[in-house]
Amino acid sequence: MVTRDDVAREAGTSTAVVSYVMNNGPRNVAAPTRQRVLDAVARLGYRPNATARALASASSTVLGLIASDITNPYCSELAIEVENSALARGHSLLLGNAMNSDERQARHLRSFMEHQVRGILFVGSTDERRSSHEETSSVLEGNHTPLVFFDRPASELGATAILVDNRGGGFAATSHLLDHGYESVACFSGPAHLYGVSDRLAGWGDALEAKGMKVEDHEVFESEFDRYSAFALARDIFARPTRPRAIFVHSDEQAFGIMTAATQAGLSIPEDLALISFDGLKESSIVLPRLTTVQQPFHTAASLGVDVLLDATPGAQEAPHNRVLPLELTIRESCGCR
């Protein structure tokens, strides 16, 4: 690896002069000397050590992002928006895929901190059981790197959380189905221990009660937040003598699996089964029928998250707080609208 010393020898200058040229200061360098250094850099293919420069200047142009599971389209779509927002502000992004493992998440955190990233963002729901993130909490103990959490509360580990109105979204989706005249709306939820699930479930219940219905008279199903688990469960549900006529689904990913199971069972959507889901993934606009969904504000959340990190005071411990963004119901055909 070519070093600054190599460049200095090649240019016939001191390493300090090479540093002044590469960093445009703090001292001026005569034009002929500056050109000799630049020529030496070009001949040797020297690349400055970004981490070392960050340490020296107490700043970095790199952010870290840890996804709970990057194969989940929700995580990947939000991660892309975060990267776009970071690049637009002159910053690069390091990606860590935790695969829902506390150990993997802690390892990525250590690596990002060793690389002196400007800040770290977390994407994806977290397990609400305290024992599920003990290693992560240990790594973050005494941490002064700015942190932003998407879809997990700030009180979990401190710093800033950018959340959405999960309860309000569940209420809007279920109310829309009830307004179509369906006498019963089932709920297809995610795992109960994940953040956000209880709020979406509560919003579903709120809508039923607002219509004078008893929540306990309506079915609740639970699967992982992926299309494969949802498909397997839905296939069993549709094989029963009786089945739901309308379902509020906690994620688009689950809805895609349900739609496939419905097709295999010979059911038409929305004629035999009405669906509204949650997230607003790009795929929801091209499946047939197109999916009515509660739209997550991916771009707004990502832009806000990056701004929070870049506006944070380096080395300062920020007080934890939550910022809740509104949601919109994107109406298409799967609910029965035309």
C-alpha atoms as a PDB file:
ATOM      1  CA  MET A   1       0.000   0.000   0.000  1.00  0.00           C
ATOM      2  CA  VAL A   2       1.337   3.406  -0.995  1.00  0.00           C
ATOM      3  CA  THR A   3       1.804   5.693   2.018  1.00  0.00           C
ATOM      4  CA  ARG A   4       2.204   9.416   2.529  1.00  0.00           C
ATOM      5  CA  ASP A   5       5.907   8.817   3.197  1.00  0.00           C
ATOM      6  CA  ASP A   6       6.231   7.230  -0.259  1.00  0.00           C
ATOM      7  CA  VAL A   7       4.640  10.276  -1.854  1.00  0.00           C
ATOM      8  CA  ALA A   8       6.944  12.604   0.098  1.00  0.00           C
ATOM      9  CA  ARG A   9      10.059  10.720  -1.078  1.00  0.00           C
ATOM     10  CA  GLU A  10       8.843  10.666  -4.675  1.00  0.00           C
ATOM     11  CA  ALA A  11       8.104  14.414  -4.637  1.00  0.00           C
ATOM     12  CA  GLY A  12      11.195  15.365  -2.641  1.00  0.00           C
ATOM     13  CA  THR A  13       9.167  17.039   0.119  1.00  0.00           C
ATOM     14  CA  SER A  14       8.232  16.405   3.727  1.00  0.00           C
ATOM     15  CA  THR A  15       5.173  14.388   4.739  1.00  0.00           C
ATOM     16  CA  ALA A  16       3.740  17.567   6.254  1.00  0.00           C
ATOM     17  CA  VAL A  17       3.776  19.228   2.829  1.00  0.00           C
ATOM     18  CA  VAL A  18       2.008  16.207   1.325  1.00  0.00           C
ATOM     19  CA  SER A  19      -0.630  16.531   4.053  1.00  0.00           C
ATOM     20  CA  TYR A  20      -1.108  20.242   3.329  1.00  0.00           C
ATOM     21  CA  VAL A  21      -1.629  19.503  -0.364  1.00  0.00           C
ATOM     22  CA  MET A  22      -4.038  16.599   0.175  1.00  0.00           C
ATOM     23  CA  ASN A  23      -6.102  18.496   2.763  1.00  0.00           C
ATOM     24  CA  ASN A  24      -5.886  21.947   1.130  1.00  0.00           C
ATOM     25  CA  GLY A  25      -4.300  23.346   4.273  1.00  0.00           C
ATOM     26  CA  PRO A  26      -3.888  24.431   6.924  1.00  0.00           C
ATOM     27  CA  ARG A  27      -0.752  25.967   5.318  1.00  0.00           C
ATOM     28  CA  ASN A  28      -0.291  27.182   1.764  1.00  0.00           C
ATOM     29  CA  VAL A  29       2.088  25.306  -0.522  1.00  0.00           C
ATOM     30  CA  ALA A  30       3.921  26.970  -3.413  1.00  0.00           C
ATOM     31  CA  ALA A  31       2.433  26.101  -6.797  1.00  0.00           C
ATOM     32  CA  PRO A  32       5.538  24.242  -8.162  1.00  0.00           C
ATOM     33  CA  THR A  33       5.804  22.148  -4.985  1.00  0.00           C
ATOM     34  CA  ARG A  34       2.113  21.461  -4.977  1.00  0.00           C
ATOM     35  CA  GLN A  35       2.303  20.227  -8.564  1.00  0.00           C
ATOM     36  CA  ARG A  36       5.237  17.907  -7.709  1.00  0.00           C
ATOM     37  CA  VAL A  37       3.158  16.360  -4.942  1.00  0.00           C
ATOM     38  CA  LEU A  38       0.127  15.903  -7.200  1.00  0.00           C
ATOM     39  CA  ASP A  39       2.298  14.340  -9.909  1.00  0.00           C
ATOM     40  CA  ALA A  40       3.778  11.941  -7.342  1.00  0.00           C
ATOM     41  CA  VAL A  41       0.286  11.045  -6.133  1.00  0.00           C
ATOM     42  CA  ALA A  42      -0.761  10.250  -9.709  1.00  0.00           C
ATOM     43  CA  ARG A  43       2.346   8.165 -10.477  1.00  0.00           C
ATOM     44  CA  LEU A  44       2.119   6.115  -7.291  1.00  0.00           C
ATOM     45  CA  GLY A  45      -1.678   5.801  -7.211  1.00  0.00           C
ATOM     46  CA  TYR A  46      -1.846   7.114  -3.651  1.00  0.00           C
ATOM     47  CA  ARG A  47      -5.229   7.140  -1.930  1.00  0.00           C
ATOM     48  CA  PRO A  48      -5.594   8.954   1.427  1.00  0.00           C
ATOM     49  CA  ASN A  49      -6.772   6.911   4.399  1.00  0.00           C
ATOM     50  CA  ALA A  50     -10.277   8.222   5.004  1.00  0.00           C
ATOM     51  CA  THR A  51     -10.440   6.814   8.530  1.00  0.00           C
ATOM     52  CA  ALA A  52      -7.174   8.470   9.508  1.00  0.00           C
ATOM     53  CA  ARG A  53      -8.341  11.771   8.058  1.00  0.00           C
ATOM     54  CA  ALA A  54     -11.588  11.490  10.007  1.00  0.00           C
ATOM     55  CA  LEU A  55      -9.681  10.863  13.217  1.00  0.00           C
ATOM     56  CA  ALA A  56      -7.427  13.830  12.568  1.00  0.00           C
ATOM     57  CA  SER A  57     -10.253  16.198  11.725  1.00  0.00           C
ATOM     58  CA  ALA A  58     -12.807  14.792  14.198  1.00  0.00           C
ATOM     59  CA  SER A  59     -15.260  14.392  11.313  1.00  0.00           C
ATOM     60  CA  SER A  60     -16.229  11.747   8.790  1.00  0.00           C
ATOM     61  CA  THR A  61     -18.148  11.641   5.541  1.00  0.00           C
ATOM     62  CA  VAL A  62     -19.312   8.069   6.146  1.00  0.00           C
ATOM     63  CA  LEU A  63     -22.535   6.918   7.802  1.00  0.00           C
ATOM     64  CA  GLY A  64     -23.348   3.400   8.950  1.00  0.00           C
ATOM     65  CA  LEU A  65     -26.649   1.611   8.423  1.00  0.00           C
ATOM     66  CA  ILE A  66     -27.639  -1.659  10.102  1.00  0.00           C
ATOM     67  CA  ALA A  67     -30.669  -3.468   8.668  1.00  0.00           C
ATOM     68  CA  SER A  68     -32.472  -6.088  10.724  1.00  0.00           C
ATOM     69  CA  ASP A  69     -32.821  -8.172   7.531  1.00  0.00           C
ATOM     70  CA  ILE A  70     -31.831  -6.630   4.204  1.00  0.00           C
ATOM     71  CA  THR A  71     -33.710  -9.366   2.306  1.00  0.00           C
ATOM     72  CA  ASN A  72     -36.952  -7.878   3.626  1.00  0.00           C
ATOM     73  CA  PRO A  73     -38.134  -5.383   0.963  1.00  0.00           C
ATOM     74  CA  TYR A  74     -39.180  -2.891   3.648  1.00  0.00           C
ATOM     75  CA  CYS A  75     -35.585  -2.739   4.895  1.00  0.00           C
ATOM     76  CA  SER A  76     -34.058  -2.619   1.425  1.00  0.00           C
ATOM     77  CA  GLU A  77     -36.383   0.118   0.122  1.00  0.00           C
ATOM     78  CA  LEU A  78     -35.719   2.289   3.167  1.00  0.00           C
ATOM     79  CA  ALA A  79     -31.969   1.555   2.981  1.00  0.00           C
ATOM     80  CA  ILE A  80     -31.884   2.757  -0.646  1.00  0.00           C
ATOM     81  CA  GLU A  81     -33.616   5.992   0.347  1.00  0.00           C
ATOM     82  CA  VAL A  82     -31.119   6.477   3.193  1.00  0.00           C
ATOM     83  CA  GLU A  83     -28.201   5.953   0.791  1.00  0.00           C
ATOM     84  CA  ASN A  84     -29.678   8.426  -1.700  1.00  0.00           C
ATOM     85  CA  SER A  85     -30.137  11.006   1.060  1.00  0.00           C
ATOM     86  CA  ALA A  86     -26.593  10.468   2.329  1.00  0.00           C
ATOM     87  CA  LEU A  87     -25.046  10.774  -1.141  1.00  0.00           C
ATOM     88  CA  ALA A  88     -27.035  13.956  -1.800  1.00  0.00           C
ATOM     89  CA  ARG A  89     -25.371  15.430   1.302  1.00  0.00           C
ATOM     90  CA  GLY A  90     -21.858  14.335   0.305  1.00  0.00           C
ATOM     91  CA  HIS A  91     -21.708  11.235   2.524  1.00  0.00           C
ATOM     92  CA  SER A  92     -21.208   7.540   1.802  1.00  0.00           C
ATOM     93  CA  LEU A  93     -22.914   4.618   3.502  1.00  0.00           C
ATOM     94  CA  LEU A  94     -21.596   1.424   5.090  1.00  0.00           C
ATOM     95  CA  LEU A  95     -24.181  -1.371   5.274  1.00  0.00           C
ATOM     96  CA  GLY A  96     -24.445  -4.081   7.910  1.00  0.00           C
ATOM     97  CA  ASN A  97     -27.018  -6.879   7.677  1.00  0.00           C
ATOM     98  CA  ALA A  98     -27.923  -8.118  11.166  1.00  0.00           C
ATOM     99  CA  MET A  99     -30.202 -10.952   9.949  1.00  0.00           C
ATOM    100  CA  ASN A 100     -32.228 -10.465  13.150  1.00  0.00           C
ATOM    101  CA  SER A 101     -29.202 -11.506  15.219  1.00  0.00           C
ATOM    102  CA  ASP A 102     -28.124  -9.456  18.226  1.00  0.00           C
ATOM    103  CA  GLU A 103     -24.608 -10.882  17.915  1.00  0.00           C
ATOM    104  CA  ARG A 104     -24.286  -9.856  14.249  1.00  0.00           C
ATOM    105  CA  GLN A 105     -25.719  -6.423  15.000  1.00  0.00           C
ATOM    106  CA  ALA A 106     -23.199  -5.889  17.805  1.00  0.00           C
ATOM    107  CA  ARG A 107     -20.315  -6.904  15.500  1.00  0.00           C
ATOM    108  CA  HIS A 108     -21.404  -4.420  12.852  1.00  0.00           C
ATOM    109  CA  LEU A 109     -21.670  -1.720  15.499  1.00  0.00           C
ATOM    110  CA  ARG A 110     -18.121  -2.350  16.731  1.00  0.00           C
ATOM    111  CA  SER A 111     -16.815  -2.226  13.172  1.00  0.00           C
ATOM    112  CA  PHE A 112     -18.630   1.015  12.357  1.00  0.00           C
ATOM    113  CA  MET A 113     -17.355   2.663  15.525  1.00  0.00           C
ATOM    114  CA  GLU A 114     -13.795   1.540  14.786  1.00  0.00           C
ATOM    115  CA  HIS A 115     -14.143   3.182  11.367  1.00  0.00           C
ATOM    116  CA  GLN A 116     -15.240   6.414  13.074  1.00  0.00           C
ATOM    117  CA  VAL A 117     -18.487   6.774  11.115  1.00  0.00           C
ATOM    118  CA  ARG A 118     -20.317  10.081  11.508  1.00  0.00           C
ATOM    119  CA  GLY A 119     -23.467   8.344  12.755  1.00  0.00           C
ATOM    120  CA  ILE A 120     -25.380   5.063  12.630  1.00  0.00           C
ATOM    121  CA  LEU A 121     -28.921   4.297  11.497  1.00  0.00           C
ATOM    122  CA  PHE A 122     -30.916   1.175  12.387  1.00  0.00           C
ATOM    123  CA  VAL A 123     -33.599  -0.070   9.974  1.00  0.00           C
ATOM    124  CA  GLY A 124     -36.277  -2.617  10.795  1.00  0.00           C
ATOM    125  CA  SER A 125     -38.468  -3.723  13.668  1.00  0.00           C
ATOM    126  CA  THR A 126     -36.741  -4.936  16.773  1.00  0.00           C
ATOM    127  CA  ASP A 127     -37.626  -7.676  19.219  1.00  0.00           C
ATOM    128  CA  GLU A 128     -39.261  -5.991  22.223  1.00  0.00           C
ATOM    129  CA  ARG A 129     -37.894  -8.620  24.613  1.00  0.00           C
ATOM    130  CA  ARG A 130     -35.015  -6.951  26.467  1.00  0.00           C
ATOM    131  CA  SER A 131     -32.834 -10.084  26.405  1.00  0.00           C
ATOM    132  CA  SER A 132     -32.846 -10.040  22.596  1.00  0.00           C
ATOM    133  CA  HIS A 133     -30.462  -7.075  22.326  1.00  0.00           C
ATOM    134  CA  GLU A 134     -28.124  -7.483  25.294  1.00  0.00           C
ATOM    135  CA  GLU A 135     -24.916  -7.506  23.188  1.00  0.00           C
ATOM    136  CA  THR A 136     -26.007  -4.447  21.238  1.00  0.00           C
ATOM    137  CA  SER A 137     -26.812  -2.608  24.465  1.00  0.00           C
ATOM    138  CA  SER A 138     -23.389  -3.560  25.840  1.00  0.00           C
ATOM    139  CA  VAL A 139     -21.604  -2.149  22.770  1.00  0.00           C
ATOM    140  CA  LEU A 140     -23.611   1.075  22.982  1.00  0.00           C
ATOM    141  CA  GLU A 141     -22.988   1.594  26.685  1.00  0.00           C
ATOM    142  CA  GLY A 142     -21.308   4.985  27.006  1.00  0.00           C
ATOM    143  CA  ASN A 143     -21.647   5.505  23.239  1.00  0.00           C
ATOM    144  CA  HIS A 144     -21.278   9.043  21.823  1.00  0.00           C
ATOM    145  CA  THR A 145     -21.800   8.218  18.144  1.00  0.00           C
ATOM    146  CA  PRO A 146     -25.086   9.791  16.951  1.00  0.00           C
ATOM    147  CA  LEU A 147     -27.808   7.156  16.455  1.00  0.00           C
ATOM    148  CA  VAL A 148     -31.114   7.087  14.599  1.00  0.00           C
ATOM    149  CA  PHE A 149     -33.641   4.256  14.819  1.00  0.00           C
ATOM    150  CA  PHE A 150     -36.305   3.580  12.213  1.00  0.00           C
ATOM    151  CA  ASP A 151     -39.321   1.575  13.342  1.00  0.00           C
ATOM    152  CA  ARG A 152     -38.025   1.012  16.866  1.00  0.00           C
ATOM    153  CA  PRO A 153     -38.452   3.313  19.875  1.00  0.00           C
ATOM    154  CA  ALA A 154     -35.705   5.632  21.102  1.00  0.00           C
ATOM    155  CA  SER A 155     -36.187   4.462  24.666  1.00  0.00           C
ATOM    156  CA  GLU A 156     -34.738   1.100  23.662  1.00  0.00           C
ATOM    157  CA  LEU A 157     -31.145   2.302  23.274  1.00  0.00           C
ATOM    158  CA  GLY A 158     -31.312   6.086  23.425  1.00  0.00           C
ATOM    159  CA  ALA A 159     -30.897   8.663  20.623  1.00  0.00           C
ATOM    160  CA  THR A 160     -33.536   9.596  18.018  1.00  0.00           C
ATOM    161  CA  ALA A 161     -36.300   7.318  16.742  1.00  0.00           C
ATOM    162  CA  ILE A 162     -38.231   8.009  13.548  1.00  0.00           C
ATOM    163  CA  LEU A 163     -41.532   6.178  13.838  1.00  0.00           C
ATOM    164  CA  VAL A 164     -44.850   6.080  12.014  1.00  0.00           C
ATOM    165  CA  ASP A 165     -48.392   6.111  13.372  1.00  0.00           C
ATOM    166  CA  ASN A 166     -48.863   2.325  13.317  1.00  0.00           C
ATOM    167  CA  ARG A 167     -52.076   2.462  15.325  1.00  0.00           C
ATOM    168  CA  GLY A 168     -53.570   5.158  13.119  1.00  0.00           C
ATOM    169  CA  GLY A 169     -52.582   3.207  10.010  1.00  0.00           C
ATOM    170  CA  GLY A 170     -54.268   0.062  11.310  1.00  0.00           C
ATOM    171  CA  PHE A 171     -57.386   2.056  12.106  1.00  0.00           C
ATOM    172  CA  ALA A 172     -57.524   3.675   8.637  1.00  0.00           C
ATOM    173  CA  ALA A 173     -57.058   0.379   6.811  1.00  0.00           C
ATOM    174  CA  THR A 174     -59.663  -1.515   8.824  1.00  0.00           C
ATOM    175  CA  SER A 175     -62.155   1.366   8.721  1.00  0.00           C
ATOM    176  CA  HIS A 176     -61.887   1.459   4.923  1.00  0.00           C
ATOM    177  CA  LEU A 177     -62.736  -2.244   4.693  1.00  0.00           C
ATOM    178  CA  LEU A 178     -65.673  -1.816   7.075  1.00  0.00           C
ATOM    179  CA  ASP A 179     -66.916   1.125   5.018  1.00  0.00           C
ATOM    180  CA  HIS A 180     -67.166  -1.284   2.070  1.00  0.00           C
ATOM    181  CA  GLY A 181     -69.808  -3.104   4.079  1.00  0.00           C
ATOM    182  CA  TYR A 182     -67.870  -6.150   5.206  1.00  0.00           C
ATOM    183  CA  GLU A 183     -69.415  -7.412   8.416  1.00  0.00           C
ATOM    184  CA  SER A 184     -66.186  -8.985   9.609  1.00  0.00           C
ATOM    185  CA  VAL A 185     -62.524  -8.037   9.074  1.00  0.00           C
ATOM    186  CA  ALA A 186     -59.849 -10.490  10.148  1.00  0.00           C
ATOM    187  CA  CYS A 187     -56.346  -9.363  11.106  1.00  0.00           C
ATOM    188  CA  PHE A 188     -53.227 -11.040   9.725  1.00  0.00           C
ATOM    189  CA  SER A 189     -50.499  -9.815  12.084  1.00  0.00           C
ATOM    190  CA  GLY A 190     -46.751 -10.070  12.396  1.00  0.00           C
ATOM    191  CA  PRO A 191     -44.974 -11.729  15.359  1.00  0.00           C
ATOM    192  CA  ALA A 192     -46.353 -10.322  18.607  1.00  0.00           C
ATOM    193  CA  HIS A 193     -42.898  -9.654  20.082  1.00  0.00           C
ATOM    194  CA  LEU A 194     -41.839  -7.254  17.306  1.00  0.00           C
ATOM    195  CA  TYR A 195     -42.208  -3.512  17.716  1.00  0.00           C
ATOM    196  CA  GLY A 196     -45.202  -1.990  15.913  1.00  0.00           C
ATOM    197  CA  VAL A 197     -47.269  -5.164  15.778  1.00  0.00           C
ATOM    198  CA  SER A 198     -49.280  -4.403  18.924  1.00  0.00           C
ATOM    199  CA  ASP A 199     -50.049  -0.879  17.687  1.00  0.00           C
ATOM    200  CA  ARG A 200     -51.297  -2.092  14.285  1.00  0.00           C
ATOM    201  CA  LEU A 201     -53.376  -4.709  16.081  1.00  0.00           C
ATOM    202  CA  ALA A 202     -54.760  -2.020  18.400  1.00  0.00           C
ATOM    203  CA  GLY A 203     -55.682   0.183  15.428  1.00  0.00           C
ATOM    204  CA  TRP A 204     -57.588  -2.751  13.897  1.00  0.00           C
ATOM    205  CA  GLY A 205     -59.453  -3.188  17.179  1.00  0.00           C
ATOM    206  CA  ASP A 206     -60.187   0.527  17.441  1.00  0.00           C
ATOM    207  CA  ALA A 207     -61.873   0.463  14.026  1.00  0.00           C
ATOM    208  CA  LEU A 208     -64.036  -2.520  14.936  1.00  0.00           C
ATOM    209  CA  GLU A 209     -65.130  -0.934  18.209  1.00  0.00           C
ATOM    210  CA  ALA A 210     -65.885   2.351  16.432  1.00  0.00           C
ATOM    211  CA  LYS A 211     -68.464   0.388  14.414  1.00  0.00           C
ATOM    212  CA  GLY A 212     -69.936  -1.127  17.563  1.00  0.00           C
ATOM    213  CA  MET A 213     -68.320  -4.529  16.996  1.00  0.00           C
ATOM    214  CA  LYS A 214     -66.639  -6.768  19.568  1.00  0.00           C
ATOM    215  CA  VAL A 215     -62.968  -7.396  18.830  1.00  0.00           C
ATOM    216  CA  GLU A 216     -63.116 -10.937  20.185  1.00  0.00           C
ATOM    217  CA  ASP A 217     -65.658 -11.845  17.481  1.00  0.00           C
ATOM    218  CA  HIS A 218     -63.045 -11.324  14.754  1.00  0.00           C
ATOM    219  CA  GLU A 219     -60.143 -13.621  13.892  1.00  0.00           C
ATOM    220  CA  VAL A 220     -56.441 -12.843  14.320  1.00  0.00           C
ATOM    221  CA  PHE A 221     -53.740 -14.826  12.522  1.00  0.00           C
ATOM    222  CA  GLU A 222     -49.993 -14.453  13.039  1.00  0.00           C
ATOM    223  CA  SER A 223     -47.023 -15.173  10.782  1.00  0.00           C
ATOM    224  CA  GLU A 224     -43.493 -13.931  10.217  1.00  0.00           C
ATOM    225  CA  PHE A 225     -43.099 -10.734   8.209  1.00  0.00           C
ATOM    226  CA  ASP A 226     -42.391 -12.592   4.960  1.00  0.00           C
ATOM    227  CA  ARG A 227     -44.473 -13.870   2.054  1.00  0.00           C
ATOM    228  CA  TYR A 228     -43.468 -17.508   2.521  1.00  0.00           C
ATOM    229  CA  SER A 229     -44.720 -17.887   6.086  1.00  0.00           C
ATOM    230  CA  ALA A 230     -47.865 -15.936   5.199  1.00  0.00           C
ATOM    231  CA  PHE A 231     -48.467 -18.148   2.154  1.00  0.00           C
ATOM    232  CA  ALA A 232     -48.232 -21.348   4.215  1.00  0.00           C
ATOM    233  CA  LEU A 233     -50.635 -20.051   6.864  1.00  0.00           C
ATOM    234  CA  ALA A 234     -53.081 -18.571   4.351  1.00  0.00           C
ATOM    235  CA  ARG A 235     -53.180 -21.826   2.397  1.00  0.00           C
ATOM    236  CA  ASP A 236     -54.379 -23.599   5.544  1.00  0.00           C
ATOM    237  CA  ILE A 237     -56.917 -20.857   6.279  1.00  0.00           C
ATOM    238  CA  PHE A 238     -58.410 -20.995   2.769  1.00  0.00           C
ATOM    239  CA  ALA A 239     -58.754 -24.790   2.998  1.00  0.00           C
ATOM    240  CA  ARG A 240     -61.204 -24.450   5.904  1.00  0.00           C
ATOM    241  CA  PRO A 241     -64.990 -24.705   5.396  1.00  0.00           C
ATOM    242  CA  THR A 242     -65.272 -21.048   6.439  1.00  0.00           C
ATOM    243  CA  ARG A 243     -62.758 -18.311   5.660  1.00  0.00           C
ATOM    244  CA  PRO A 244     -62.429 -14.543   6.129  1.00  0.00           C
ATOM    245  CA  ARG A 245     -64.127 -12.287   3.606  1.00  0.00           C
ATOM    246  CA  ALA A 246     -61.852  -9.295   4.337  1.00  0.00           C
ATOM    247  CA  ILE A 247     -58.412  -9.079   5.945  1.00  0.00           C
ATOM    248  CA  PHE A 248     -56.235  -6.265   7.265  1.00  0.00           C
ATOM    249  CA  VAL A 249     -52.663  -7.498   6.743  1.00  0.00           C
ATOM    250  CA  HIS A 250     -49.747  -6.082   8.743  1.00  0.00           C
ATOM    251  CA  SER A 251     -47.301  -5.935   5.816  1.00  0.00           C
ATOM    252  CA  ASP A 252     -47.227  -5.982   2.019  1.00  0.00           C
ATOM    253  CA  GLU A 253     -44.793  -8.912   2.190  1.00  0.00           C
ATOM    254  CA  GLN A 254     -47.396 -11.016   3.975  1.00  0.00           C
ATOM    255  CA  ALA A 255     -50.086  -9.798   1.575  1.00  0.00           C
ATOM    256  CA  PHE A 256     -48.108 -11.065  -1.428  1.00  0.00           C
ATOM    257  CA  GLY A 257     -48.045 -14.546   0.107  1.00  0.00           C
ATOM    258  CA  ILE A 258     -51.760 -14.371   0.931  1.00  0.00           C
ATOM    259  CA  MET A 259     -52.588 -13.331  -2.632  1.00  0.00           C
ATOM    260  CA  THR A 260     -50.676 -16.310  -4.039  1.00  0.00           C
ATOM    261  CA  ALA A 261     -52.433 -18.697  -1.650  1.00  0.00           C
ATOM    262  CA  ALA A 262     -55.794 -17.199  -2.629  1.00  0.00           C
ATOM    263  CA  THR A 263     -55.088 -17.710  -6.319  1.00  0.00           C
ATOM    264  CA  GLN A 264     -54.107 -21.340  -5.728  1.00  0.00           C
ATOM    265  CA  ALA A 265     -57.343 -21.824  -3.762  1.00  0.00           C
ATOM    266  CA  GLY A 266     -59.366 -20.490  -6.693  1.00  0.00           C
ATOM    267  CA  LEU A 267     -60.329 -17.263  -4.929  1.00  0.00           C
ATOM    268  CA  SER A 268     -60.607 -13.922  -6.694  1.00  0.00           C
ATOM    269  CA  ILE A 269     -59.455 -10.651  -5.123  1.00  0.00           C
ATOM    270  CA  PRO A 270     -61.446  -8.587  -4.219  1.00  0.00           C
ATOM    271  CA  GLU A 271     -64.583 -10.508  -5.277  1.00  0.00           C
ATOM    272  CA  ASP A 272     -63.981 -13.389  -2.825  1.00  0.00           C
ATOM    273  CA  LEU A 273     -61.400 -11.805  -0.554  1.00  0.00           C
ATOM    274  CA  ALA A 274     -60.703  -8.122   0.119  1.00  0.00           C
ATOM    275  CA  LEU A 275     -57.241  -7.093   1.332  1.00  0.00           C
ATOM    276  CA  ILE A 276     -55.568  -3.979   2.691  1.00  0.00           C
ATOM    277  CA  SER A 277     -51.968  -4.168   3.882  1.00  0.00           C
ATOM    278  CA  PHE A 278     -49.228  -1.975   5.302  1.00  0.00           C
ATOM    279  CA  ASP A 279     -45.934  -0.501   3.960  1.00  0.00           C
ATOM    280  CA  GLY A 280     -46.488   0.625   0.365  1.00  0.00           C
ATOM    281  CA  LEU A 281     -43.632  -1.328  -1.208  1.00  0.00           C
ATOM    282  CA  LYS A 282     -43.017  -0.699  -4.911  1.00  0.00           C
ATOM    283  CA  GLU A 283     -44.266  -4.186  -5.750  1.00  0.00           C
ATOM    284  CA  SER A 284     -47.678  -3.349  -4.298  1.00  0.00           C
ATOM    285  CA  SER A 285     -48.395  -1.113  -7.308  1.00  0.00           C
ATOM    286  CA  ILE A 286     -47.768  -3.794  -9.961  1.00  0.00           C
ATOM    287  CA  VAL A 287     -49.290  -6.999  -8.520  1.00  0.00           C
ATOM    288  CA  LEU A 288     -52.736  -7.937  -9.833  1.00  0.00           C
ATOM    289  CA  PRO A 289     -54.969  -6.711  -8.479  1.00  0.00           C
ATOM    290  CA  ARG A 290     -52.987  -3.744  -7.272  1.00  0.00           C
ATOM    291  CA  LEU A 291     -52.736  -3.659  -3.512  1.00  0.00           C
ATOM    292  CA  THR A 292     -54.475  -1.071  -1.348  1.00  0.00           C
ATOM    293  CA  THR A 293     -51.914  -0.298   1.342  1.00  0.00           C
ATOM    294  CA  VAL A 294     -50.939   2.039   4.153  1.00  0.00           C
ATOM    295  CA  GLN A 295     -48.005   3.933   2.625  1.00  0.00           C
ATOM    296  CA  GLN A 296     -44.807   4.271   4.642  1.00  0.00           C
ATOM    297  CA  PRO A 297     -43.052   7.665   4.126  1.00  0.00           C
ATOM    298  CA  PHE A 298     -39.749   6.087   3.012  1.00  0.00           C
ATOM    299  CA  HIS A 299     -38.224   9.203   1.427  1.00  0.00           C
ATOM    300  CA  THR A 300     -39.287  11.589   4.199  1.00  0.00           C
ATOM    301  CA  ALA A 301     -38.104   9.248   6.961  1.00  0.00           C
ATOM    302  CA  ALA A 302     -34.732   8.612   5.290  1.00  0.00           C
ATOM    303  CA  SER A 303     -34.076  12.293   4.625  1.00  0.00           C
ATOM    304  CA  LEU A 304     -35.007  13.212   8.193  1.00  0.00           C
ATOM    305  CA  GLY A 305     -32.824  10.446   9.624  1.00  0.00           C
ATOM    306  CA  VAL A 306     -29.738  11.568   7.710  1.00  0.00           C
ATOM    307  CA  ASP A 307     -30.352  15.205   8.657  1.00  0.00           C
ATOM    308  CA  VAL A 308     -30.610  14.260  12.336  1.00  0.00           C
ATOM    309  CA  LEU A 309     -27.212  12.538  12.194  1.00  0.00           C
ATOM    310  CA  LEU A 310     -25.482  15.343  10.313  1.00  0.00           C
ATOM    311  CA  ASP A 311     -26.946  18.004  12.609  1.00  0.00           C
ATOM    312  CA  ALA A 312     -25.866  16.156  15.760  1.00  0.00           C
ATOM    313  CA  THR A 313     -22.967  17.551  17.761  1.00  0.00           C
ATOM    314  CA  PRO A 314     -20.002  15.147  17.408  1.00  0.00           C
ATOM    315  CA  GLY A 315     -19.210  13.407  20.696  1.00  0.00           C
ATOM    316  CA  ALA A 316     -22.283  14.760  22.476  1.00  0.00           C
ATOM    317  CA  GLN A 317     -24.814  12.481  24.135  1.00  0.00           C
ATOM    318  CA  GLU A 318     -28.247  13.270  22.728  1.00  0.00           C
ATOM    319  CA  ALA A 319     -31.374  12.874  24.867  1.00  0.00           C
ATOM    320  CA  PRO A 320     -33.577  10.082  23.490  1.00  0.00           C
ATOM    321  CA  HIS A 321     -36.745  11.207  21.731  1.00  0.00           C
ATOM    322  CA  ASN A 322     -39.296   9.902  19.230  1.00  0.00           C
ATOM    323  CA  ARG A 323     -40.483  11.597  16.051  1.00  0.00           C
ATOM    324  CA  VAL A 324     -43.710  10.184  14.647  1.00  0.00           C
ATOM    325  CA  LEU A 325     -44.553  10.633  10.944  1.00  0.00           C
ATOM    326  CA  PRO A 326     -48.094  10.425   9.516  1.00  0.00           C
ATOM    327  CA  LEU A 327     -49.216   7.721   7.077  1.00  0.00           C
ATOM    328  CA  GLU A 328     -51.462   7.753   4.028  1.00  0.00           C
ATOM    329  CA  LEU A 329     -53.832   5.086   2.743  1.00  0.00           C
ATOM    330  CA  THR A 330     -53.096   4.408  -0.924  1.00  0.00           C
ATOM    331  CA  ILE A 331     -56.332   3.098  -2.407  1.00  0.00           C
ATOM    332  CA  ARG A 332     -56.149   0.651  -5.306  1.00  0.00           C
ATOM    333  CA  GLU A 333     -58.212  -2.408  -6.259  1.00  0.00           C
ATOM    334  CA  SER A 334     -57.551  -5.185  -3.713  1.00  0.00           C
ATOM    335  CA  CYS A 335     -60.009  -3.683  -1.195  1.00  0.00           C
ATOM    336  CA  GLY A 336     -62.896  -3.592  -3.663  1.00  0.00           C
ATOM    337  CA  CYS A 337     -62.462  -0.033  -4.961  1.00  0.00           C
ATOM    338  CA  ARG A 338     -62.503   0.496  -8.709  1.00  0.00           C
END
